[in-house]
Amino acid sequence: MAAKATATFAAGCFWGVQLHFQRVPGVLQTAVGYTNGQVERPTYEQVCSGTTGHAEAVRVQFDPAIVSYDELLQKFWSIHDPTTLNRQKFDFGTQYRSGIYYHDEGQRVAAEASKKALVLPRSIFSLFFRPKVVTEIEPAGIFYPAEEYHQRYLEKGGQCASSGCTDNVRCYG
């Protein structure tokens, strides 16, 4: 039996985030849901209203003998823009915020260190303004799994979720 650890990340719409993590060798299971808000058992409609405080998040069960938490953090940083507050691409609202929700002190320390060491891509904008990383790092709250139709949504739509797959992730609603 493989050892199992849990990580929780928010990086915009949870469909694409889930597919990215599903493809990581050593990830045993993923689930999309809502976390770090004030409403018990929120629905998707409630979370989208912006009144629950929850983030759309992905809970990742992984085997640390195959993939380290640091490697999961690298994946997290690579799949979204951590400098946009409450937004990823065309999705706006507090539920789309960037967040790392740690499950123990080791994860907290690793998350803080990875955030501090993050090197942002250079752009013409960065020549004049230094973008600030707005990713929150907080203790993992209760994770409420999203409705079944959200689970593995992009995989159900025909996108490859196989371990190691490098196909582009295409998000759609």
N, C-alpha and C. Protein backbone atom coordinates (compact mmCIF):
# COMPACT_ATOMS: atom_id res chain seq x y z
N MET A 1 0.85 -1.19 0.00
CA MET A 1 0.00 0.00 0.00
C MET A 1 0.89 1.24 0.00
N ALA A 2 0.61 2.15 -0.93
CA ALA A 2 1.39 3.37 -1.03
C ALA A 2 1.08 4.31 0.12
N ALA A 3 2.11 5.02 0.57
CA ALA A 3 1.89 6.08 1.55
C ALA A 3 1.07 7.16 0.86
N LYS A 4 0.27 7.87 1.65
CA LYS A 4 -0.59 8.87 1.05
C LYS A 4 -0.50 10.16 1.85
N ALA A 5 -0.42 11.28 1.13
CA ALA A 5 -0.46 12.60 1.74
C ALA A 5 -1.47 13.43 0.98
N THR A 6 -1.88 14.54 1.57
CA THR A 6 -2.90 15.39 0.98
C THR A 6 -2.35 16.80 0.80
N ALA A 7 -2.69 17.40 -0.33
CA ALA A 7 -2.38 18.80 -0.61
C ALA A 7 -3.65 19.45 -1.16
N THR A 8 -3.81 20.75 -0.92
CA THR A 8 -4.98 21.47 -1.44
C THR A 8 -4.52 22.78 -2.06
N PHE A 9 -4.98 23.00 -3.30
CA PHE A 9 -4.58 24.18 -4.07
C PHE A 9 -5.79 24.84 -4.72
N ALA A 10 -5.74 26.16 -4.84
CA ALA A 10 -6.73 26.93 -5.60
C ALA A 10 -5.97 27.79 -6.61
N ALA A 11 -6.38 27.72 -7.86
CA ALA A 11 -5.67 28.45 -8.91
C ALA A 11 -6.62 28.80 -10.05
N GLY A 12 -7.80 29.26 -9.71
CA GLY A 12 -8.80 29.60 -10.72
C GLY A 12 -9.83 28.50 -10.84
N CYS A 13 -10.44 28.40 -12.01
CA CYS A 13 -11.47 27.38 -12.25
C CYS A 13 -10.89 26.00 -11.95
N PHE A 14 -11.57 25.25 -11.10
CA PHE A 14 -10.99 23.99 -10.63
C PHE A 14 -10.92 22.90 -11.68
N TRP A 15 -11.63 23.02 -12.79
CA TRP A 15 -11.58 21.97 -13.82
C TRP A 15 -10.18 21.80 -14.39
N GLY A 16 -9.57 22.90 -14.82
CA GLY A 16 -8.23 22.82 -15.40
C GLY A 16 -7.18 22.47 -14.37
N VAL A 17 -7.33 23.02 -13.18
CA VAL A 17 -6.37 22.74 -12.11
C VAL A 17 -6.37 21.24 -11.81
N GLN A 18 -7.57 20.66 -11.73
CA GLN A 18 -7.66 19.22 -11.46
C GLN A 18 -6.96 18.42 -12.55
N LEU A 19 -7.22 18.74 -13.81
CA LEU A 19 -6.61 17.96 -14.89
C LEU A 19 -5.08 18.06 -14.85
N HIS A 20 -4.56 19.25 -14.58
CA HIS A 20 -3.10 19.38 -14.47
C HIS A 20 -2.55 18.44 -13.39
N PHE A 21 -3.19 18.41 -12.23
CA PHE A 21 -2.69 17.56 -11.15
C PHE A 21 -2.97 16.08 -11.39
N GLN A 22 -4.05 15.73 -12.07
CA GLN A 22 -4.32 14.33 -12.40
C GLN A 22 -3.16 13.73 -13.19
N ARG A 23 -2.53 14.53 -14.01
CA ARG A 23 -1.49 14.05 -14.92
C ARG A 23 -0.12 13.88 -14.25
N VAL A 24 0.02 14.34 -13.02
CA VAL A 24 1.32 14.28 -12.35
C VAL A 24 1.57 12.85 -11.84
N PRO A 25 2.66 12.21 -12.29
CA PRO A 25 2.98 10.89 -11.76
C PRO A 25 3.13 10.94 -10.23
N GLY A 26 2.50 10.02 -9.55
CA GLY A 26 2.52 9.99 -8.09
C GLY A 26 1.27 10.55 -7.47
N VAL A 27 0.45 11.24 -8.26
CA VAL A 27 -0.85 11.70 -7.77
C VAL A 27 -1.80 10.52 -7.84
N LEU A 28 -2.38 10.18 -6.71
CA LEU A 28 -3.23 9.00 -6.61
C LEU A 28 -4.70 9.31 -6.88
N GLN A 29 -5.12 10.50 -6.48
CA GLN A 29 -6.53 10.86 -6.61
C GLN A 29 -6.66 12.38 -6.49
N THR A 30 -7.65 12.92 -7.17
CA THR A 30 -7.96 14.35 -7.04
C THR A 30 -9.46 14.52 -6.89
N ALA A 31 -9.85 15.62 -6.28
CA ALA A 31 -11.27 15.98 -6.18
C ALA A 31 -11.36 17.49 -6.23
N VAL A 32 -12.38 17.99 -6.92
CA VAL A 32 -12.63 19.43 -6.92
C VAL A 32 -13.67 19.75 -5.86
N GLY A 33 -13.55 20.95 -5.29
CA GLY A 33 -14.50 21.34 -4.27
C GLY A 33 -14.28 22.76 -3.81
N TYR A 34 -14.80 23.02 -2.64
CA TYR A 34 -14.82 24.37 -2.08
C TYR A 34 -14.17 24.34 -0.71
N THR A 35 -13.34 25.35 -0.43
CA THR A 35 -12.65 25.37 0.85
C THR A 35 -12.38 26.79 1.32
N ASN A 36 -12.12 26.88 2.61
CA ASN A 36 -11.70 28.10 3.28
C ASN A 36 -12.71 29.24 3.18
N GLY A 37 -13.97 28.86 3.34
CA GLY A 37 -15.05 29.83 3.39
C GLY A 37 -15.83 29.68 4.68
N GLN A 38 -16.97 30.37 4.76
CA GLN A 38 -17.75 30.39 6.00
C GLN A 38 -19.05 29.59 5.93
N VAL A 39 -19.45 29.12 4.77
CA VAL A 39 -20.73 28.43 4.63
C VAL A 39 -20.52 26.93 4.62
N GLU A 40 -21.29 26.21 5.42
CA GLU A 40 -21.20 24.75 5.43
C GLU A 40 -21.87 24.17 4.20
N ARG A 41 -21.22 23.17 3.60
CA ARG A 41 -21.74 22.46 2.45
C ARG A 41 -22.30 23.39 1.36
N PRO A 42 -21.47 24.30 0.87
CA PRO A 42 -21.96 25.24 -0.14
C PRO A 42 -22.22 24.54 -1.47
N THR A 43 -23.09 25.11 -2.25
CA THR A 43 -23.33 24.65 -3.61
C THR A 43 -22.50 25.49 -4.57
N TYR A 44 -22.38 25.03 -5.79
CA TYR A 44 -21.66 25.77 -6.82
C TYR A 44 -22.28 27.15 -7.00
N GLU A 45 -23.60 27.22 -7.04
CA GLU A 45 -24.28 28.49 -7.23
C GLU A 45 -23.97 29.45 -6.08
N GLN A 46 -23.93 28.95 -4.86
CA GLN A 46 -23.61 29.79 -3.71
C GLN A 46 -22.17 30.31 -3.82
N VAL A 47 -21.25 29.43 -4.15
CA VAL A 47 -19.84 29.83 -4.25
C VAL A 47 -19.68 30.88 -5.35
N CYS A 48 -20.34 30.68 -6.48
CA CYS A 48 -20.26 31.65 -7.58
C CYS A 48 -20.86 33.00 -7.23
N SER A 49 -21.73 33.05 -6.24
CA SER A 49 -22.34 34.32 -5.84
C SER A 49 -21.33 35.23 -5.13
N GLY A 50 -20.22 34.64 -4.67
CA GLY A 50 -19.20 35.42 -3.99
C GLY A 50 -19.51 35.72 -2.53
N THR A 51 -20.54 35.07 -1.98
CA THR A 51 -20.96 35.38 -0.60
C THR A 51 -20.52 34.33 0.41
N THR A 52 -19.86 33.27 -0.02
CA THR A 52 -19.51 32.18 0.90
C THR A 52 -18.09 32.27 1.43
N GLY A 53 -17.23 33.01 0.74
CA GLY A 53 -15.82 33.07 1.11
C GLY A 53 -15.00 31.88 0.64
N HIS A 54 -15.65 30.91 0.00
CA HIS A 54 -14.94 29.71 -0.45
C HIS A 54 -14.16 29.95 -1.73
N ALA A 55 -13.08 29.20 -1.89
CA ALA A 55 -12.33 29.16 -3.13
C ALA A 55 -12.65 27.85 -3.84
N GLU A 56 -12.69 27.90 -5.18
CA GLU A 56 -12.72 26.66 -5.94
C GLU A 56 -11.33 26.05 -5.80
N ALA A 57 -11.28 24.82 -5.32
CA ALA A 57 -9.99 24.22 -5.00
C ALA A 57 -9.93 22.77 -5.46
N VAL A 58 -8.72 22.23 -5.46
CA VAL A 58 -8.49 20.83 -5.79
C VAL A 58 -7.74 20.18 -4.63
N ARG A 59 -8.31 19.09 -4.13
CA ARG A 59 -7.66 18.28 -3.11
C ARG A 59 -6.91 17.18 -3.83
N VAL A 60 -5.62 17.08 -3.55
CA VAL A 60 -4.73 16.14 -4.23
C VAL A 60 -4.24 15.11 -3.21
N GLN A 61 -4.52 13.85 -3.48
CA GLN A 61 -3.95 12.75 -2.69
C GLN A 61 -2.74 12.26 -3.49
N PHE A 62 -1.57 12.19 -2.83
CA PHE A 62 -0.37 11.83 -3.56
C PHE A 62 0.52 10.91 -2.74
N ASP A 63 1.39 10.19 -3.46
CA ASP A 63 2.38 9.31 -2.85
C ASP A 63 3.69 10.08 -2.78
N PRO A 64 4.11 10.51 -1.56
CA PRO A 64 5.34 11.31 -1.45
C PRO A 64 6.61 10.55 -1.82
N ALA A 65 6.53 9.23 -1.96
CA ALA A 65 7.70 8.47 -2.42
C ALA A 65 7.89 8.64 -3.94
N ILE A 66 6.85 9.10 -4.63
CA ILE A 66 6.91 9.27 -6.08
C ILE A 66 6.97 10.75 -6.45
N VAL A 67 6.15 11.56 -5.82
CA VAL A 67 6.13 12.99 -6.11
C VAL A 67 6.17 13.75 -4.79
N SER A 68 7.07 14.71 -4.69
CA SER A 68 7.20 15.46 -3.44
C SER A 68 6.21 16.63 -3.41
N TYR A 69 5.97 17.12 -2.23
CA TYR A 69 5.13 18.31 -2.08
C TYR A 69 5.76 19.49 -2.81
N ASP A 70 7.08 19.59 -2.78
CA ASP A 70 7.77 20.67 -3.50
C ASP A 70 7.50 20.58 -5.01
N GLU A 71 7.46 19.37 -5.55
CA GLU A 71 7.15 19.21 -6.97
C GLU A 71 5.71 19.62 -7.26
N LEU A 72 4.79 19.32 -6.35
CA LEU A 72 3.40 19.76 -6.52
C LEU A 72 3.32 21.28 -6.47
N LEU A 73 4.10 21.89 -5.60
CA LEU A 73 4.14 23.36 -5.56
C LEU A 73 4.65 23.93 -6.89
N GLN A 74 5.67 23.32 -7.47
CA GLN A 74 6.17 23.77 -8.76
C GLN A 74 5.08 23.69 -9.82
N LYS A 75 4.31 22.60 -9.82
CA LYS A 75 3.20 22.46 -10.77
C LYS A 75 2.18 23.57 -10.53
N PHE A 76 1.83 23.80 -9.27
CA PHE A 76 0.86 24.84 -8.91
C PHE A 76 1.28 26.19 -9.49
N TRP A 77 2.52 26.60 -9.25
CA TRP A 77 2.98 27.90 -9.72
C TRP A 77 2.98 27.97 -11.24
N SER A 78 3.19 26.85 -11.91
CA SER A 78 3.33 26.85 -13.37
C SER A 78 2.01 26.92 -14.13
N ILE A 79 0.89 26.68 -13.45
CA ILE A 79 -0.38 26.56 -14.18
C ILE A 79 -1.30 27.77 -14.05
N HIS A 80 -0.86 28.80 -13.35
CA HIS A 80 -1.73 29.98 -13.22
C HIS A 80 -0.89 31.23 -12.99
N ASP A 81 -1.57 32.37 -12.99
CA ASP A 81 -0.91 33.65 -12.74
C ASP A 81 -1.16 34.04 -11.28
N PRO A 82 -0.15 33.91 -10.44
CA PRO A 82 -0.33 34.20 -9.01
C PRO A 82 -0.32 35.69 -8.67
N THR A 83 -0.28 36.55 -9.71
CA THR A 83 -0.26 37.99 -9.46
C THR A 83 -1.61 38.65 -9.72
N THR A 84 -2.61 37.88 -10.12
CA THR A 84 -3.93 38.45 -10.37
C THR A 84 -4.84 38.15 -9.19
N LEU A 85 -5.33 39.18 -8.55
CA LEU A 85 -6.16 39.03 -7.36
C LEU A 85 -7.58 38.62 -7.75
N ASN A 86 -8.01 37.49 -7.21
CA ASN A 86 -9.39 37.01 -7.42
C ASN A 86 -9.75 36.89 -8.90
N ARG A 87 -8.78 36.39 -9.66
CA ARG A 87 -9.01 36.29 -11.10
C ARG A 87 -8.01 35.33 -11.73
N GLN A 88 -8.48 34.56 -12.71
CA GLN A 88 -7.63 33.81 -13.60
C GLN A 88 -8.25 33.88 -14.99
N LYS A 89 -7.50 34.42 -15.92
CA LYS A 89 -7.97 34.62 -17.30
C LYS A 89 -9.31 35.33 -17.30
N PHE A 90 -10.38 34.69 -17.78
CA PHE A 90 -11.68 35.36 -17.89
C PHE A 90 -12.59 35.08 -16.72
N ASP A 91 -12.09 34.39 -15.69
CA ASP A 91 -12.88 34.10 -14.50
C ASP A 91 -12.55 35.11 -13.41
N PHE A 92 -13.59 35.78 -12.91
CA PHE A 92 -13.41 36.82 -11.90
C PHE A 92 -14.23 36.47 -10.67
N GLY A 93 -13.71 36.78 -9.50
CA GLY A 93 -14.43 36.58 -8.24
C GLY A 93 -13.52 35.96 -7.21
N THR A 94 -13.88 36.12 -5.95
CA THR A 94 -13.04 35.60 -4.87
C THR A 94 -12.89 34.09 -4.92
N GLN A 95 -13.84 33.39 -5.53
CA GLN A 95 -13.74 31.93 -5.62
C GLN A 95 -12.61 31.49 -6.55
N TYR A 96 -12.08 32.41 -7.36
CA TYR A 96 -11.00 32.08 -8.29
C TYR A 96 -9.64 32.54 -7.79
N ARG A 97 -9.53 32.84 -6.52
CA ARG A 97 -8.27 33.33 -5.97
C ARG A 97 -7.20 32.24 -6.00
N SER A 98 -5.98 32.68 -5.87
CA SER A 98 -4.83 31.79 -5.81
C SER A 98 -4.56 31.46 -4.34
N GLY A 99 -4.50 30.17 -4.04
CA GLY A 99 -4.28 29.78 -2.65
C GLY A 99 -3.61 28.43 -2.49
N ILE A 100 -2.79 28.35 -1.47
CA ILE A 100 -2.20 27.09 -1.04
C ILE A 100 -2.72 26.88 0.37
N TYR A 101 -3.37 25.75 0.58
CA TYR A 101 -3.99 25.45 1.88
C TYR A 101 -3.25 24.25 2.48
N TYR A 102 -2.42 24.55 3.45
CA TYR A 102 -1.51 23.53 3.98
C TYR A 102 -2.18 22.65 5.03
N HIS A 103 -1.67 21.41 5.09
CA HIS A 103 -2.22 20.40 6.00
C HIS A 103 -1.32 20.12 7.20
N ASP A 104 -0.12 20.66 7.19
CA ASP A 104 0.79 20.51 8.34
C ASP A 104 1.87 21.59 8.26
N GLU A 105 2.65 21.68 9.29
CA GLU A 105 3.67 22.72 9.38
C GLU A 105 4.71 22.59 8.27
N GLY A 106 5.07 21.37 7.91
CA GLY A 106 6.04 21.18 6.82
C GLY A 106 5.53 21.75 5.51
N GLN A 107 4.25 21.55 5.23
CA GLN A 107 3.67 22.12 4.01
C GLN A 107 3.65 23.65 4.08
N ARG A 108 3.35 24.20 5.24
CA ARG A 108 3.34 25.65 5.38
C ARG A 108 4.71 26.22 5.08
N VAL A 109 5.73 25.65 5.67
CA VAL A 109 7.10 26.13 5.48
C VAL A 109 7.50 26.01 4.01
N ALA A 110 7.18 24.88 3.39
CA ALA A 110 7.52 24.67 1.98
C ALA A 110 6.78 25.65 1.09
N ALA A 111 5.50 25.89 1.38
CA ALA A 111 4.71 26.82 0.57
C ALA A 111 5.26 28.23 0.68
N GLU A 112 5.57 28.67 1.90
CA GLU A 112 6.13 30.01 2.09
C GLU A 112 7.47 30.15 1.36
N ALA A 113 8.31 29.13 1.45
CA ALA A 113 9.63 29.18 0.80
C ALA A 113 9.47 29.22 -0.72
N SER A 114 8.53 28.44 -1.26
CA SER A 114 8.35 28.42 -2.71
C SER A 114 7.80 29.76 -3.20
N LYS A 115 6.94 30.38 -2.43
CA LYS A 115 6.40 31.68 -2.80
C LYS A 115 7.52 32.73 -2.80
N LYS A 116 8.35 32.68 -1.78
CA LYS A 116 9.45 33.65 -1.67
C LYS A 116 10.46 33.46 -2.82
N ALA A 117 10.67 32.22 -3.23
CA ALA A 117 11.66 31.93 -4.27
C ALA A 117 11.11 32.06 -5.68
N LEU A 118 9.82 32.30 -5.81
CA LEU A 118 9.18 32.35 -7.12
C LEU A 118 9.79 33.43 -8.00
N VAL A 119 10.15 33.05 -9.20
CA VAL A 119 10.66 33.99 -10.19
C VAL A 119 9.58 34.13 -11.25
N LEU A 120 9.06 35.35 -11.37
CA LEU A 120 7.98 35.61 -12.32
C LEU A 120 8.54 35.82 -13.72
N PRO A 121 7.79 35.44 -14.75
CA PRO A 121 8.24 35.68 -16.12
C PRO A 121 8.43 37.17 -16.37
N ARG A 122 9.41 37.52 -17.18
CA ARG A 122 9.69 38.92 -17.51
C ARG A 122 8.74 39.38 -18.62
N SER A 123 8.29 40.61 -18.51
CA SER A 123 7.47 41.21 -19.54
C SER A 123 7.78 42.70 -19.59
N ILE A 124 7.25 43.36 -20.58
CA ILE A 124 7.45 44.81 -20.68
C ILE A 124 6.84 45.50 -19.46
N PHE A 125 5.73 44.96 -18.98
CA PHE A 125 5.06 45.50 -17.79
C PHE A 125 5.99 45.42 -16.58
N SER A 126 6.72 44.31 -16.44
CA SER A 126 7.57 44.12 -15.26
C SER A 126 8.79 45.05 -15.27
N LEU A 127 9.08 45.68 -16.41
CA LEU A 127 10.17 46.64 -16.44
C LEU A 127 9.81 47.90 -15.65
N PHE A 128 8.52 48.21 -15.57
CA PHE A 128 8.06 49.42 -14.91
C PHE A 128 7.42 49.17 -13.55
N PHE A 129 6.80 48.02 -13.40
CA PHE A 129 6.11 47.67 -12.15
C PHE A 129 6.53 46.28 -11.73
N ARG A 130 6.75 46.10 -10.46
CA ARG A 130 7.08 44.77 -9.95
C ARG A 130 5.77 44.10 -9.50
N PRO A 131 5.31 43.12 -10.27
CA PRO A 131 4.05 42.47 -9.88
C PRO A 131 4.20 41.78 -8.52
N LYS A 132 3.14 41.81 -7.76
CA LYS A 132 3.14 41.20 -6.43
C LYS A 132 2.40 39.86 -6.50
N VAL A 133 2.98 38.85 -5.90
CA VAL A 133 2.32 37.54 -5.80
C VAL A 133 1.25 37.66 -4.72
N VAL A 134 0.00 37.40 -5.10
CA VAL A 134 -1.13 37.56 -4.18
C VAL A 134 -1.65 36.23 -3.65
N THR A 135 -0.96 35.16 -3.91
CA THR A 135 -1.37 33.83 -3.45
C THR A 135 -1.44 33.81 -1.93
N GLU A 136 -2.60 33.38 -1.42
CA GLU A 136 -2.73 33.23 0.04
C GLU A 136 -2.21 31.86 0.45
N ILE A 137 -1.59 31.81 1.60
CA ILE A 137 -1.13 30.55 2.18
C ILE A 137 -1.79 30.47 3.55
N GLU A 138 -2.72 29.55 3.66
CA GLU A 138 -3.56 29.44 4.86
C GLU A 138 -3.70 27.97 5.27
N PRO A 139 -4.04 27.73 6.54
CA PRO A 139 -4.34 26.35 6.94
C PRO A 139 -5.52 25.83 6.13
N ALA A 140 -5.47 24.56 5.77
CA ALA A 140 -6.58 23.96 5.02
C ALA A 140 -7.81 23.88 5.92
N GLY A 141 -8.89 24.47 5.42
CA GLY A 141 -10.16 24.38 6.12
C GLY A 141 -10.89 23.12 5.69
N ILE A 142 -12.14 23.03 6.07
CA ILE A 142 -12.95 21.89 5.63
C ILE A 142 -13.08 21.96 4.12
N PHE A 143 -12.90 20.82 3.48
CA PHE A 143 -13.02 20.71 2.03
C PHE A 143 -14.37 20.07 1.73
N TYR A 144 -15.19 20.81 1.01
CA TYR A 144 -16.50 20.30 0.60
C TYR A 144 -16.43 19.90 -0.87
N PRO A 145 -16.53 18.61 -1.17
CA PRO A 145 -16.48 18.20 -2.58
C PRO A 145 -17.58 18.88 -3.39
N ALA A 146 -17.22 19.28 -4.60
CA ALA A 146 -18.20 19.89 -5.51
C ALA A 146 -19.16 18.82 -6.00
N GLU A 147 -20.21 19.27 -6.62
CA GLU A 147 -21.20 18.39 -7.19
C GLU A 147 -20.55 17.40 -8.16
N GLU A 148 -21.12 16.24 -8.29
CA GLU A 148 -20.53 15.16 -9.09
C GLU A 148 -20.24 15.60 -10.53
N TYR A 149 -21.10 16.40 -11.13
CA TYR A 149 -20.87 16.77 -12.53
C TYR A 149 -19.60 17.60 -12.71
N HIS A 150 -19.07 18.19 -11.64
CA HIS A 150 -17.81 18.94 -11.72
C HIS A 150 -16.58 18.03 -11.61
N GLN A 151 -16.73 16.86 -11.00
CA GLN A 151 -15.59 15.98 -10.79
C GLN A 151 -15.08 15.45 -12.12
N ARG A 152 -13.76 15.63 -12.35
CA ARG A 152 -13.09 15.13 -13.55
C ARG A 152 -13.79 15.63 -14.83
N TYR A 153 -14.26 16.86 -14.76
CA TYR A 153 -15.08 17.43 -15.83
C TYR A 153 -14.37 17.42 -17.19
N LEU A 154 -13.13 17.88 -17.23
CA LEU A 154 -12.43 17.94 -18.51
C LEU A 154 -12.07 16.55 -19.02
N GLU A 155 -11.79 15.63 -18.12
CA GLU A 155 -11.55 14.25 -18.52
C GLU A 155 -12.83 13.66 -19.12
N LYS A 156 -13.95 13.90 -18.48
CA LYS A 156 -15.24 13.42 -19.02
C LYS A 156 -15.51 14.02 -20.39
N GLY A 157 -14.98 15.22 -20.64
CA GLY A 157 -15.15 15.88 -21.93
C GLY A 157 -14.17 15.41 -22.99
N GLY A 158 -13.35 14.42 -22.66
CA GLY A 158 -12.47 13.82 -23.65
C GLY A 158 -11.01 14.19 -23.56
N GLN A 159 -10.63 15.00 -22.58
CA GLN A 159 -9.21 15.36 -22.47
C GLN A 159 -8.44 14.29 -21.71
N CYS A 160 -7.21 14.11 -22.11
CA CYS A 160 -6.35 13.08 -21.52
C CYS A 160 -6.01 13.42 -20.07
N ALA A 161 -6.26 12.45 -19.17
CA ALA A 161 -5.91 12.61 -17.76
C ALA A 161 -4.84 11.61 -17.33
N SER A 162 -4.24 10.93 -18.29
CA SER A 162 -3.25 9.90 -17.97
C SER A 162 -2.02 10.51 -17.33
N SER A 163 -1.44 9.77 -16.40
CA SER A 163 -0.22 10.19 -15.74
C SER A 163 0.86 10.47 -16.77
N GLY A 164 1.45 11.64 -16.69
CA GLY A 164 2.52 12.02 -17.60
C GLY A 164 2.07 12.67 -18.89
N CYS A 165 0.78 12.74 -19.15
CA CYS A 165 0.26 13.36 -20.37
C CYS A 165 0.68 14.83 -20.43
N THR A 166 1.08 15.28 -21.61
CA THR A 166 1.52 16.67 -21.78
C THR A 166 0.65 17.44 -22.77
N ASP A 167 -0.49 16.88 -23.16
CA ASP A 167 -1.40 17.62 -24.05
C ASP A 167 -1.80 18.93 -23.38
N ASN A 168 -2.09 19.95 -24.19
CA ASN A 168 -2.59 21.21 -23.64
C ASN A 168 -3.91 20.98 -22.94
N VAL A 169 -4.09 21.68 -21.82
CA VAL A 169 -5.36 21.65 -21.10
C VAL A 169 -6.24 22.73 -21.69
N ARG A 170 -7.44 22.34 -22.11
CA ARG A 170 -8.39 23.28 -22.70
C ARG A 170 -9.57 23.40 -21.76
N CYS A 171 -9.79 24.61 -21.26
CA CYS A 171 -10.91 24.85 -20.35
C CYS A 171 -12.07 25.42 -21.13
N TYR A 172 -13.26 25.00 -20.75
CA TYR A 172 -14.49 25.49 -21.38
C TYR A 172 -15.61 25.34 -20.37
N GLY A 173 -16.68 26.05 -20.57
CA GLY A 173 -17.79 25.99 -19.62
C GLY A 173 -19.08 25.62 -20.27
